[in-house]
Every structure is written in C-alpha cells, then in structure tokens.
Amino acid sequence: MASHLQSVAAEVGLTMRQRDVIINSRRALSAAEFAREAGKFEEMHEALFKAHWEGTGNLENADDLVRIGESVGLDAAELGAAIQEDRYHDLLDESRAQAASVGINAIPAHIFGNRYLVVGAHPYDAFEQVLERLRKERSAEEG
C-alpha cells in the first residue's frame, strides 16, 4: 500500500513522508471551507496536501493551518477565528452525512457522472478509465 501511494504521489509531483498516525482532518477541512469562501480553495487544498505529506505542517494544529492559509493569501486573523470558533461545524457534519448516505466513508472520494464512486488514492489512469467508460455510455445513449 505504501509503495502504491508513493507512486501515485510521484505522478503529481508530491513527496510523501510516511506517517505513524492517522490525523483528524476536521480542522483542515474547516480551513479549506474558509478558503473556499475567500476564493482560494484550490490554492489552500494544494498547500494542505503538500504540508501534510511533505511533513511541513500538522493539520490538527490551528497555528500551522493559519500559517498555511496565510501562505496562500488568506487573512490569518480571520482564518484563526474561523478555526477556533468551529465556524463550519454544521457544514462539515452535513457533508459527512451526505457522503455516508452514498457510501463514502473515506477521503479522497470522487463521484463520476452521478454513478461511479472511486474511494481512496488511485493512479491517474484509473480516473481516465472511469471517464472513458462514461464517454462510451454517453455515446451509446445518444447514439
């Protein structure tokens, strides 16, 4: 499993350090929602992944999350307040319940065409295969 993850990471230019524990990503998800509202979701998403897997940040630590957010142009004080007050609690709970209702119990998870669920880290070509299958199905329906 570890070598599979290393190869997937290498495909997208990410260095992965092995982690001894599984983290609680709730604070990081909250920081990502703050970034989404500020129009910086993609930048924050990438910075969070990089910080976690390269070992430059603890995604359970509010100070690290604020530092990461500041590095992508987010307001540090506002982000810190959002994390401390658990501003996105209801949204995160709602998202988790919605995900569970369709069989998602882990991240990352991707739904393609409202019919295919891919859970976990996979090589890029796995996603290409799902998309090709959807293209063929769509062509047959139109056809």
N, C-alpha and C. Protein backbone atom coordinates (compact mmCIF):
# COMPACT_ATOMS: atom_id res chain seq x y z
N MET A 1 0.83 -1.19 0.00
CA MET A 1 0.00 0.00 0.00
C MET A 1 0.87 1.25 0.00
N ALA A 2 1.92 1.26 0.82
CA ALA A 2 2.79 2.43 0.91
C ALA A 2 3.46 2.71 -0.43
N SER A 3 3.92 1.68 -1.12
CA SER A 3 4.58 1.91 -2.40
C SER A 3 3.57 2.40 -3.44
N HIS A 4 2.34 1.91 -3.36
CA HIS A 4 1.28 2.39 -4.27
C HIS A 4 1.06 3.88 -4.05
N LEU A 5 0.93 4.29 -2.81
CA LEU A 5 0.73 5.71 -2.51
C LEU A 5 1.91 6.55 -2.96
N GLN A 6 3.11 6.05 -2.77
CA GLN A 6 4.31 6.78 -3.21
C GLN A 6 4.28 6.99 -4.72
N SER A 7 3.88 5.95 -5.47
CA SER A 7 3.86 6.09 -6.93
C SER A 7 2.76 7.05 -7.39
N VAL A 8 1.60 7.00 -6.72
CA VAL A 8 0.52 7.95 -7.05
C VAL A 8 0.98 9.37 -6.77
N ALA A 9 1.61 9.58 -5.64
CA ALA A 9 2.10 10.91 -5.27
C ALA A 9 3.14 11.40 -6.27
N ALA A 10 4.04 10.52 -6.66
CA ALA A 10 5.09 10.91 -7.60
C ALA A 10 4.51 11.35 -8.94
N GLU A 11 3.40 10.74 -9.35
CA GLU A 11 2.75 11.12 -10.61
C GLU A 11 2.32 12.58 -10.63
N VAL A 12 2.00 13.12 -9.47
CA VAL A 12 1.54 14.51 -9.40
C VAL A 12 2.58 15.43 -8.76
N GLY A 13 3.82 14.93 -8.63
CA GLY A 13 4.90 15.76 -8.13
C GLY A 13 4.88 16.00 -6.64
N LEU A 14 4.32 15.07 -5.88
CA LEU A 14 4.22 15.22 -4.44
C LEU A 14 5.17 14.25 -3.76
N THR A 15 5.90 14.73 -2.77
CA THR A 15 6.76 13.89 -1.96
C THR A 15 5.97 13.47 -0.73
N MET A 16 5.96 12.19 -0.42
CA MET A 16 5.20 11.71 0.73
C MET A 16 6.12 11.13 1.80
N ARG A 17 6.01 11.68 3.00
CA ARG A 17 6.69 11.11 4.14
C ARG A 17 5.72 10.17 4.83
N GLN A 18 6.21 9.04 5.28
CA GLN A 18 5.36 8.08 5.98
C GLN A 18 4.88 8.67 7.30
N ARG A 19 3.62 8.51 7.61
CA ARG A 19 3.05 8.99 8.86
C ARG A 19 2.79 7.82 9.79
N ASP A 20 3.06 8.01 11.08
CA ASP A 20 2.85 6.95 12.06
C ASP A 20 1.41 6.92 12.58
N VAL A 21 0.70 8.03 12.43
CA VAL A 21 -0.66 8.12 12.94
C VAL A 21 -1.58 8.70 11.86
N ILE A 22 -2.83 8.38 11.99
CA ILE A 22 -3.84 8.98 11.12
C ILE A 22 -4.35 10.23 11.83
N ILE A 23 -4.36 11.32 11.12
CA ILE A 23 -4.77 12.58 11.75
C ILE A 23 -6.27 12.79 11.66
N ASN A 24 -6.77 13.64 12.54
CA ASN A 24 -8.14 14.11 12.46
C ASN A 24 -8.10 15.35 11.56
N SER A 25 -8.68 15.25 10.39
CA SER A 25 -8.57 16.33 9.40
C SER A 25 -9.67 17.39 9.52
N ARG A 26 -10.47 17.33 10.56
CA ARG A 26 -11.60 18.24 10.67
C ARG A 26 -11.18 19.72 10.64
N ARG A 27 -10.14 20.08 11.37
CA ARG A 27 -9.70 21.48 11.36
C ARG A 27 -9.20 21.88 9.96
N ALA A 28 -8.52 20.97 9.29
CA ALA A 28 -8.05 21.26 7.93
C ALA A 28 -9.23 21.44 6.98
N LEU A 29 -10.26 20.62 7.14
CA LEU A 29 -11.45 20.77 6.31
C LEU A 29 -12.13 22.11 6.58
N SER A 30 -12.12 22.52 7.83
CA SER A 30 -12.68 23.83 8.19
C SER A 30 -11.88 24.95 7.53
N ALA A 31 -10.55 24.84 7.58
CA ALA A 31 -9.69 25.85 6.94
C ALA A 31 -9.93 25.87 5.43
N ALA A 32 -10.17 24.71 4.84
CA ALA A 32 -10.44 24.65 3.41
C ALA A 32 -11.77 25.33 3.07
N GLU A 33 -12.76 25.17 3.94
CA GLU A 33 -14.05 25.85 3.71
C GLU A 33 -13.90 27.36 3.82
N PHE A 34 -13.09 27.81 4.76
CA PHE A 34 -12.80 29.24 4.86
C PHE A 34 -12.17 29.72 3.56
N ALA A 35 -11.21 28.95 3.06
CA ALA A 35 -10.53 29.31 1.80
C ALA A 35 -11.52 29.32 0.64
N ARG A 36 -12.46 28.37 0.63
CA ARG A 36 -13.47 28.33 -0.45
C ARG A 36 -14.25 29.64 -0.47
N GLU A 37 -14.67 30.11 0.70
CA GLU A 37 -15.43 31.36 0.78
C GLU A 37 -14.60 32.55 0.32
N ALA A 38 -13.29 32.47 0.50
CA ALA A 38 -12.40 33.57 0.12
C ALA A 38 -11.91 33.44 -1.33
N GLY A 39 -12.38 32.41 -2.05
CA GLY A 39 -11.96 32.22 -3.43
C GLY A 39 -10.55 31.66 -3.57
N LYS A 40 -10.07 30.98 -2.54
CA LYS A 40 -8.70 30.45 -2.54
C LYS A 40 -8.67 28.94 -2.27
N PHE A 41 -9.77 28.24 -2.60
CA PHE A 41 -9.84 26.83 -2.25
C PHE A 41 -8.75 26.00 -2.91
N GLU A 42 -8.58 26.14 -4.22
CA GLU A 42 -7.58 25.31 -4.92
C GLU A 42 -6.18 25.51 -4.34
N GLU A 43 -5.82 26.76 -4.10
CA GLU A 43 -4.51 27.06 -3.54
C GLU A 43 -4.35 26.44 -2.15
N MET A 44 -5.40 26.57 -1.32
CA MET A 44 -5.34 26.03 0.03
C MET A 44 -5.32 24.51 0.00
N HIS A 45 -6.12 23.93 -0.84
CA HIS A 45 -6.17 22.47 -0.97
C HIS A 45 -4.78 21.91 -1.28
N GLU A 46 -4.14 22.50 -2.26
CA GLU A 46 -2.79 22.06 -2.63
C GLU A 46 -1.80 22.28 -1.49
N ALA A 47 -1.88 23.43 -0.85
CA ALA A 47 -0.95 23.73 0.25
C ALA A 47 -1.16 22.79 1.43
N LEU A 48 -2.40 22.42 1.73
CA LEU A 48 -2.67 21.49 2.82
C LEU A 48 -2.11 20.11 2.52
N PHE A 49 -2.33 19.63 1.30
CA PHE A 49 -1.78 18.32 0.91
C PHE A 49 -0.27 18.33 1.02
N LYS A 50 0.33 19.36 0.49
CA LYS A 50 1.79 19.46 0.49
C LYS A 50 2.31 19.49 1.93
N ALA A 51 1.70 20.30 2.78
CA ALA A 51 2.14 20.41 4.16
C ALA A 51 2.02 19.08 4.90
N HIS A 52 0.93 18.39 4.66
CA HIS A 52 0.73 17.11 5.34
C HIS A 52 1.71 16.06 4.86
N TRP A 53 1.75 15.85 3.56
CA TRP A 53 2.54 14.73 3.03
C TRP A 53 4.03 15.00 3.03
N GLU A 54 4.43 16.24 2.93
CA GLU A 54 5.86 16.53 2.98
C GLU A 54 6.33 16.78 4.41
N GLY A 55 5.40 16.79 5.34
CA GLY A 55 5.74 16.89 6.75
C GLY A 55 6.08 18.28 7.23
N THR A 56 5.61 19.30 6.50
CA THR A 56 5.93 20.67 6.91
C THR A 56 4.82 21.31 7.74
N GLY A 57 3.75 20.55 7.99
CA GLY A 57 2.66 21.11 8.78
C GLY A 57 1.85 20.02 9.46
N ASN A 58 1.28 20.37 10.61
CA ASN A 58 0.41 19.48 11.35
C ASN A 58 -1.02 19.98 11.12
N LEU A 59 -1.82 19.22 10.39
CA LEU A 59 -3.14 19.69 10.01
C LEU A 59 -4.16 19.63 11.14
N GLU A 60 -3.74 19.21 12.32
CA GLU A 60 -4.59 19.28 13.50
C GLU A 60 -4.29 20.55 14.31
N ASN A 61 -3.21 21.23 13.97
CA ASN A 61 -2.74 22.38 14.73
C ASN A 61 -3.22 23.68 14.09
N ALA A 62 -3.99 24.46 14.85
CA ALA A 62 -4.56 25.70 14.32
C ALA A 62 -3.48 26.67 13.85
N ASP A 63 -2.38 26.78 14.59
CA ASP A 63 -1.31 27.70 14.19
C ASP A 63 -0.70 27.30 12.85
N ASP A 64 -0.50 25.99 12.65
CA ASP A 64 0.02 25.52 11.36
C ASP A 64 -0.97 25.81 10.24
N LEU A 65 -2.25 25.58 10.50
CA LEU A 65 -3.27 25.85 9.47
C LEU A 65 -3.32 27.33 9.11
N VAL A 66 -3.19 28.18 10.10
CA VAL A 66 -3.18 29.63 9.84
C VAL A 66 -1.95 29.99 9.02
N ARG A 67 -0.80 29.44 9.35
CA ARG A 67 0.43 29.70 8.60
C ARG A 67 0.27 29.24 7.14
N ILE A 68 -0.31 28.07 6.95
CA ILE A 68 -0.53 27.56 5.60
C ILE A 68 -1.50 28.47 4.85
N GLY A 69 -2.57 28.86 5.51
CA GLY A 69 -3.56 29.74 4.88
C GLY A 69 -2.97 31.09 4.52
N GLU A 70 -2.16 31.62 5.41
CA GLU A 70 -1.51 32.91 5.14
C GLU A 70 -0.60 32.81 3.92
N SER A 71 0.03 31.65 3.74
CA SER A 71 0.94 31.46 2.61
C SER A 71 0.23 31.49 1.26
N VAL A 72 -1.09 31.26 1.26
CA VAL A 72 -1.85 31.32 0.01
C VAL A 72 -2.70 32.58 -0.09
N GLY A 73 -2.46 33.51 0.84
CA GLY A 73 -3.12 34.81 0.74
C GLY A 73 -4.38 34.97 1.58
N LEU A 74 -4.62 34.07 2.53
CA LEU A 74 -5.78 34.22 3.39
C LEU A 74 -5.45 35.12 4.58
N ASP A 75 -6.46 35.77 5.11
CA ASP A 75 -6.30 36.62 6.28
C ASP A 75 -6.08 35.73 7.50
N ALA A 76 -4.93 35.86 8.13
CA ALA A 76 -4.53 34.98 9.23
C ALA A 76 -5.48 35.09 10.42
N ALA A 77 -5.82 36.32 10.81
CA ALA A 77 -6.68 36.51 11.98
C ALA A 77 -8.07 35.92 11.75
N GLU A 78 -8.62 36.18 10.57
CA GLU A 78 -9.95 35.66 10.24
C GLU A 78 -9.96 34.14 10.17
N LEU A 79 -8.94 33.56 9.55
CA LEU A 79 -8.84 32.10 9.46
C LEU A 79 -8.71 31.51 10.86
N GLY A 80 -7.86 32.09 11.68
CA GLY A 80 -7.69 31.61 13.05
C GLY A 80 -8.99 31.63 13.82
N ALA A 81 -9.74 32.71 13.67
CA ALA A 81 -11.03 32.84 14.36
C ALA A 81 -12.01 31.78 13.87
N ALA A 82 -12.04 31.56 12.55
CA ALA A 82 -12.95 30.56 11.98
C ALA A 82 -12.65 29.17 12.52
N ILE A 83 -11.38 28.85 12.66
CA ILE A 83 -10.99 27.54 13.18
C ILE A 83 -11.34 27.43 14.66
N GLN A 84 -10.98 28.44 15.43
CA GLN A 84 -11.22 28.40 16.88
C GLN A 84 -12.70 28.33 17.23
N GLU A 85 -13.53 29.05 16.48
CA GLU A 85 -14.96 29.04 16.80
C GLU A 85 -15.71 27.90 16.13
N ASP A 86 -14.97 27.07 15.38
CA ASP A 86 -15.57 25.92 14.68
C ASP A 86 -16.73 26.37 13.78
N ARG A 87 -16.46 27.43 13.02
CA ARG A 87 -17.46 28.09 12.19
C ARG A 87 -18.15 27.15 11.20
N TYR A 88 -17.46 26.14 10.74
CA TYR A 88 -18.00 25.27 9.70
C TYR A 88 -18.49 23.93 10.24
N HIS A 89 -18.72 23.86 11.54
CA HIS A 89 -19.15 22.62 12.20
C HIS A 89 -20.36 22.01 11.51
N ASP A 90 -21.43 22.79 11.36
CA ASP A 90 -22.67 22.26 10.78
C ASP A 90 -22.47 21.84 9.32
N LEU A 91 -21.75 22.65 8.56
CA LEU A 91 -21.49 22.33 7.16
C LEU A 91 -20.70 21.02 7.04
N LEU A 92 -19.68 20.85 7.87
CA LEU A 92 -18.87 19.63 7.81
C LEU A 92 -19.69 18.41 8.23
N ASP A 93 -20.52 18.54 9.25
CA ASP A 93 -21.38 17.43 9.66
C ASP A 93 -22.38 17.07 8.56
N GLU A 94 -22.94 18.08 7.94
CA GLU A 94 -23.89 17.87 6.85
C GLU A 94 -23.21 17.17 5.66
N SER A 95 -22.02 17.61 5.33
CA SER A 95 -21.27 17.00 4.23
C SER A 95 -20.93 15.54 4.54
N ARG A 96 -20.53 15.27 5.78
CA ARG A 96 -20.21 13.90 6.18
C ARG A 96 -21.45 13.00 6.08
N ALA A 97 -22.58 13.49 6.54
CA ALA A 97 -23.82 12.70 6.48
C ALA A 97 -24.23 12.44 5.04
N GLN A 98 -24.10 13.45 4.20
CA GLN A 98 -24.43 13.29 2.78
C GLN A 98 -23.49 12.27 2.13
N ALA A 99 -22.22 12.34 2.44
CA ALA A 99 -21.25 11.38 1.88
C ALA A 99 -21.58 9.97 2.35
N ALA A 100 -21.86 9.80 3.62
CA ALA A 100 -22.18 8.47 4.15
C ALA A 100 -23.42 7.90 3.48
N SER A 101 -24.37 8.76 3.14
CA SER A 101 -25.62 8.29 2.52
C SER A 101 -25.41 7.68 1.14
N VAL A 102 -24.27 7.98 0.51
CA VAL A 102 -23.98 7.39 -0.81
C VAL A 102 -22.78 6.44 -0.75
N GLY A 103 -22.40 6.04 0.46
CA GLY A 103 -21.37 5.02 0.60
C GLY A 103 -19.95 5.53 0.74
N ILE A 104 -19.77 6.83 0.89
CA ILE A 104 -18.42 7.37 1.06
C ILE A 104 -18.07 7.34 2.53
N ASN A 105 -16.96 6.66 2.84
CA ASN A 105 -16.54 6.57 4.24
C ASN A 105 -15.07 6.93 4.41
N ALA A 106 -14.48 7.50 3.38
CA ALA A 106 -13.07 7.87 3.44
C ALA A 106 -12.81 9.00 2.45
N ILE A 107 -11.67 9.67 2.63
CA ILE A 107 -11.25 10.67 1.67
C ILE A 107 -9.86 10.30 1.19
N PRO A 108 -9.53 10.57 -0.03
CA PRO A 108 -10.38 11.24 -1.02
C PRO A 108 -11.44 10.29 -1.58
N ALA A 109 -12.51 10.86 -2.08
CA ALA A 109 -13.57 10.12 -2.76
C ALA A 109 -14.06 10.98 -3.91
N HIS A 110 -14.31 10.35 -5.03
CA HIS A 110 -14.74 11.07 -6.23
C HIS A 110 -15.96 10.36 -6.83
N ILE A 111 -16.97 11.12 -7.19
CA ILE A 111 -18.15 10.59 -7.86
C ILE A 111 -18.13 11.09 -9.30
N PHE A 112 -18.24 10.16 -10.23
CA PHE A 112 -18.22 10.49 -11.65
C PHE A 112 -19.59 10.22 -12.25
N GLY A 113 -20.14 11.23 -12.93
CA GLY A 113 -21.40 11.07 -13.64
C GLY A 113 -22.56 10.64 -12.76
N ASN A 114 -22.51 10.94 -11.50
CA ASN A 114 -23.55 10.55 -10.54
C ASN A 114 -23.78 9.04 -10.50
N ARG A 115 -22.76 8.24 -10.92
CA ARG A 115 -22.96 6.79 -10.90
C ARG A 115 -21.74 5.98 -10.52
N TYR A 116 -20.54 6.52 -10.61
CA TYR A 116 -19.35 5.76 -10.25
C TYR A 116 -18.64 6.43 -9.09
N LEU A 117 -18.37 5.65 -8.06
CA LEU A 117 -17.69 6.14 -6.88
C LEU A 117 -16.29 5.52 -6.83
N VAL A 118 -15.28 6.38 -6.72
CA VAL A 118 -13.90 5.93 -6.58
C VAL A 118 -13.40 6.48 -5.25
N VAL A 119 -13.13 5.57 -4.31
CA VAL A 119 -12.70 5.95 -2.97
C VAL A 119 -11.22 5.61 -2.81
N GLY A 120 -10.47 6.56 -2.27
CA GLY A 120 -9.07 6.33 -1.99
C GLY A 120 -8.16 6.90 -3.05
N ALA A 121 -6.87 6.74 -2.82
CA ALA A 121 -5.85 7.24 -3.75
C ALA A 121 -5.65 6.21 -4.86
N HIS A 122 -5.71 6.67 -6.09
CA HIS A 122 -5.54 5.80 -7.25
C HIS A 122 -4.65 6.49 -8.28
N PRO A 123 -4.00 5.71 -9.12
CA PRO A 123 -3.21 6.31 -10.20
C PRO A 123 -4.12 7.08 -11.16
N TYR A 124 -3.54 8.04 -11.83
CA TYR A 124 -4.28 8.89 -12.77
C TYR A 124 -5.03 8.06 -13.81
N ASP A 125 -4.41 6.97 -14.28
CA ASP A 125 -5.05 6.19 -15.33
C ASP A 125 -6.35 5.53 -14.86
N ALA A 126 -6.52 5.30 -13.57
CA ALA A 126 -7.77 4.75 -13.06
C ALA A 126 -8.91 5.75 -13.29
N PHE A 127 -8.63 7.02 -13.08
CA PHE A 127 -9.64 8.05 -13.33
C PHE A 127 -9.93 8.18 -14.82
N GLU A 128 -8.89 8.07 -15.63
CA GLU A 128 -9.09 8.11 -17.08
C GLU A 128 -10.00 6.97 -17.54
N GLN A 129 -9.85 5.79 -16.94
CA GLN A 129 -10.68 4.64 -17.31
C GLN A 129 -12.14 4.90 -16.97
N VAL A 130 -12.40 5.48 -15.81
CA VAL A 130 -13.77 5.79 -15.42
C VAL A 130 -14.36 6.81 -16.38
N LEU A 131 -13.59 7.84 -16.71
CA LEU A 131 -14.09 8.87 -17.64
C LEU A 131 -14.34 8.29 -19.02
N GLU A 132 -13.48 7.40 -19.48
CA GLU A 132 -13.68 6.77 -20.78
C GLU A 132 -14.96 5.92 -20.78
N ARG A 133 -15.19 5.23 -19.70
CA ARG A 133 -16.41 4.43 -19.58
C ARG A 133 -17.64 5.33 -19.65
N LEU A 134 -17.59 6.47 -18.97
CA LEU A 134 -18.71 7.42 -19.03
C LEU A 134 -18.91 7.96 -20.44
N ARG A 135 -17.80 8.27 -21.13
CA ARG A 135 -17.91 8.75 -22.52
C ARG A 135 -18.59 7.72 -23.41
N LYS A 136 -18.20 6.46 -23.27
CA LYS A 136 -18.79 5.39 -24.08
C LYS A 136 -20.27 5.22 -23.77
N GLU A 137 -20.61 5.28 -22.50
CA GLU A 137 -22.02 5.15 -22.12
C GLU A 137 -22.84 6.31 -22.66
N ARG A 138 -22.30 7.51 -22.59
CA ARG A 138 -22.99 8.69 -23.10
C ARG A 138 -23.19 8.60 -24.62
N SER A 139 -22.15 8.15 -25.32
CA SER A 139 -22.24 7.98 -26.77
C SER A 139 -23.30 6.96 -27.13
N ALA A 140 -23.37 5.86 -26.39
CA ALA A 140 -24.36 4.82 -26.65
C ALA A 140 -25.78 5.34 -26.41
N GLU A 141 -25.94 6.18 -25.38
CA GLU A 141 -27.26 6.75 -25.06
C GLU A 141 -27.69 7.72 -26.15
N GLU A 142 -26.73 8.46 -26.70
CA GLU A 142 -27.05 9.47 -27.71
C GLU A 142 -27.21 8.84 -29.10
N GLY A 143 -26.63 7.67 -29.24
CA GLY A 143 -26.47 7.10 -30.43
C GLY A 143 -27.03 6.47 -31.48
